[in-house]
């Protein structure tokens, strides 16, 4: 049975949940969304830090930590942002790193939004 995790992030207008847990697996997706629901469209470093902070918040709300994250998919609107994203990524993750894929996309839902992530974690505390 799946369980929606209350991450403390603002309610969504779109039909999805911030985080869903099922059988010890956490499925979650994040962008640079502030606590008030607005989107940070500033520097890639600020957007990445907020995005990974939101991931950290979701994993903690599900009873885990970033050490439980097994895979991260990173979508960026400019692949030239990869070095800055990597620097911020290392603020949140330490070796052994999760499996990861990074890709450039032509756009994200909100103009000015430069990063979005999808992450999977194993949190077996059911």
Protein backbone atom coordinates (compact mmCIF):
# COMPACT_ATOMS: atom_id res chain seq x y z
CA UNK A 1 0.00 0.00 0.00
CA UNK A 2 1.34 3.44 -0.83
CA UNK A 3 1.49 6.26 1.68
CA UNK A 4 1.75 9.94 0.85
CA UNK A 5 4.48 11.53 2.97
CA UNK A 6 3.74 14.93 4.49
CA UNK A 7 6.92 16.83 3.61
CA UNK A 8 5.71 20.17 4.96
CA UNK A 9 6.01 21.68 1.49
CA UNK A 10 3.06 23.71 0.20
CA UNK A 11 0.04 21.98 -1.34
CA UNK A 12 0.21 21.45 -5.07
CA UNK A 13 -2.10 22.74 -7.77
CA UNK A 14 -0.96 19.91 -10.02
CA UNK A 15 -2.11 16.29 -9.54
CA UNK A 16 0.94 14.73 -7.84
CA UNK A 17 2.38 14.23 -4.36
CA UNK A 18 5.76 15.52 -3.17
CA UNK A 19 6.72 12.10 -1.84
CA UNK A 20 5.16 8.65 -1.82
CA UNK A 21 6.40 5.66 0.15
CA UNK A 22 5.57 2.02 -0.56
CA UNK A 23 7.20 -1.15 0.77
CA UNK A 24 10.22 0.69 2.11
CA UNK A 25 10.81 2.66 -1.10
CA UNK A 26 10.48 6.43 -1.32
CA UNK A 27 9.63 8.11 -4.63
CA UNK A 28 10.02 11.87 -4.71
CA UNK A 29 10.55 14.78 -7.12
CA UNK A 30 11.65 18.34 -6.36
CA UNK A 31 12.50 21.70 -7.81
CA UNK A 32 13.46 25.05 -6.34
CA UNK A 33 10.16 25.53 -4.50
CA UNK A 34 10.18 27.82 -1.49
CA UNK A 35 8.12 27.16 1.64
CA UNK A 36 5.52 29.71 0.45
CA UNK A 37 5.10 27.84 -2.86
CA UNK A 38 6.96 30.37 -5.00
CA UNK A 39 9.73 29.22 -7.33
CA UNK A 40 13.31 30.44 -6.97
CA UNK A 41 14.46 31.62 -10.41
CA UNK A 42 17.81 32.97 -9.21
CA UNK A 43 21.26 31.48 -9.65
CA UNK A 44 21.70 27.80 -10.37
CA UNK A 45 23.52 27.43 -7.05
CA UNK A 46 20.57 28.86 -5.12
CA UNK A 47 18.08 26.77 -7.10
CA UNK A 48 20.12 23.59 -6.63
CA UNK A 49 20.60 24.20 -2.90
CA UNK A 50 16.85 24.74 -2.41
CA UNK A 51 16.02 21.71 -4.56
CA UNK A 52 18.36 19.37 -2.68
CA UNK A 53 17.19 20.88 0.60
CA UNK A 54 13.62 19.98 -0.37
CA UNK A 55 14.78 16.43 -1.12
CA UNK A 56 16.47 16.24 2.27
CA UNK A 57 13.27 17.47 3.92
CA UNK A 58 11.16 14.84 2.12
CA UNK A 59 13.51 11.98 2.99
CA UNK A 60 13.57 13.05 6.65
CA UNK A 61 9.77 13.27 6.70
CA UNK A 62 9.68 9.67 5.48
CA UNK A 63 11.94 8.61 8.35
CA UNK A 64 15.26 8.49 6.51
CA UNK A 65 18.32 10.51 5.63
CA UNK A 66 20.15 11.36 2.43
CA UNK A 67 22.30 8.27 3.05
CA UNK A 68 19.18 6.27 2.14
CA UNK A 69 18.93 7.84 -1.34
CA UNK A 70 19.83 5.25 -3.97
CA UNK A 71 19.28 7.16 -7.21
CA UNK A 72 19.01 10.79 -8.29
CA UNK A 73 17.92 12.00 -11.73
CA UNK A 74 18.86 15.61 -12.44
CA UNK A 75 17.16 17.66 -15.16
CA UNK A 76 18.82 20.96 -16.07
CA UNK A 77 17.89 23.52 -18.69
CA UNK A 78 21.58 24.25 -19.33
CA UNK A 79 24.18 21.50 -19.13
CA UNK A 80 26.83 24.16 -18.57
CA UNK A 81 25.39 24.37 -15.02
CA UNK A 82 26.73 20.88 -14.20
CA UNK A 83 29.89 22.06 -12.34
CA UNK A 84 27.85 24.32 -10.06
CA UNK A 85 25.23 21.60 -9.50
CA UNK A 86 28.01 19.13 -8.65
CA UNK A 87 29.43 21.54 -6.04
CA UNK A 88 26.04 21.88 -4.36
CA UNK A 89 25.39 18.12 -4.69
CA UNK A 90 28.55 17.47 -2.63
CA UNK A 91 27.12 19.68 0.15
CA UNK A 92 24.28 17.18 0.54
CA UNK A 93 25.79 13.81 -0.44
CA UNK A 94 28.99 12.04 0.58
CA UNK A 95 30.59 8.88 -0.79
CA UNK A 96 29.35 6.38 -1.56
CA UNK A 97 27.18 8.55 -3.78
CA UNK A 98 23.77 7.49 -5.06
CA UNK A 99 23.51 6.27 -8.62
CA UNK A 100 22.88 9.35 -10.75
CA UNK A 101 21.90 10.50 -14.20
CA UNK A 102 22.09 14.12 -15.33
CA UNK A 103 20.44 15.45 -18.45
CA UNK A 104 19.77 18.65 -20.31
CA UNK A 105 16.17 19.47 -21.16
CA UNK A 106 14.68 22.20 -23.31
CA UNK A 107 12.55 23.59 -20.51
CA UNK A 108 10.81 23.03 -17.18
CA UNK A 109 7.26 23.91 -16.13
CA UNK A 110 8.05 27.35 -14.67
CA UNK A 111 10.01 29.87 -16.77
CA UNK A 112 13.34 30.58 -15.06
CA UNK A 113 13.36 27.23 -13.27
CA UNK A 114 16.72 25.66 -14.16
CA UNK A 115 16.74 22.38 -12.21
CA UNK A 116 14.39 19.59 -11.19
CA UNK A 117 15.26 16.25 -9.63
CA UNK A 118 13.69 12.85 -9.16
CA UNK A 119 15.03 10.66 -6.37
CA UNK A 120 14.50 7.19 -4.99
CA UNK A 121 15.42 6.02 -1.50
CA UNK A 122 15.18 2.83 0.50
CA UNK A 123 13.74 3.59 3.94
CA UNK A 124 12.76 0.29 5.48
CA UNK A 125 11.14 1.43 8.71
CA UNK A 126 7.58 0.26 8.02
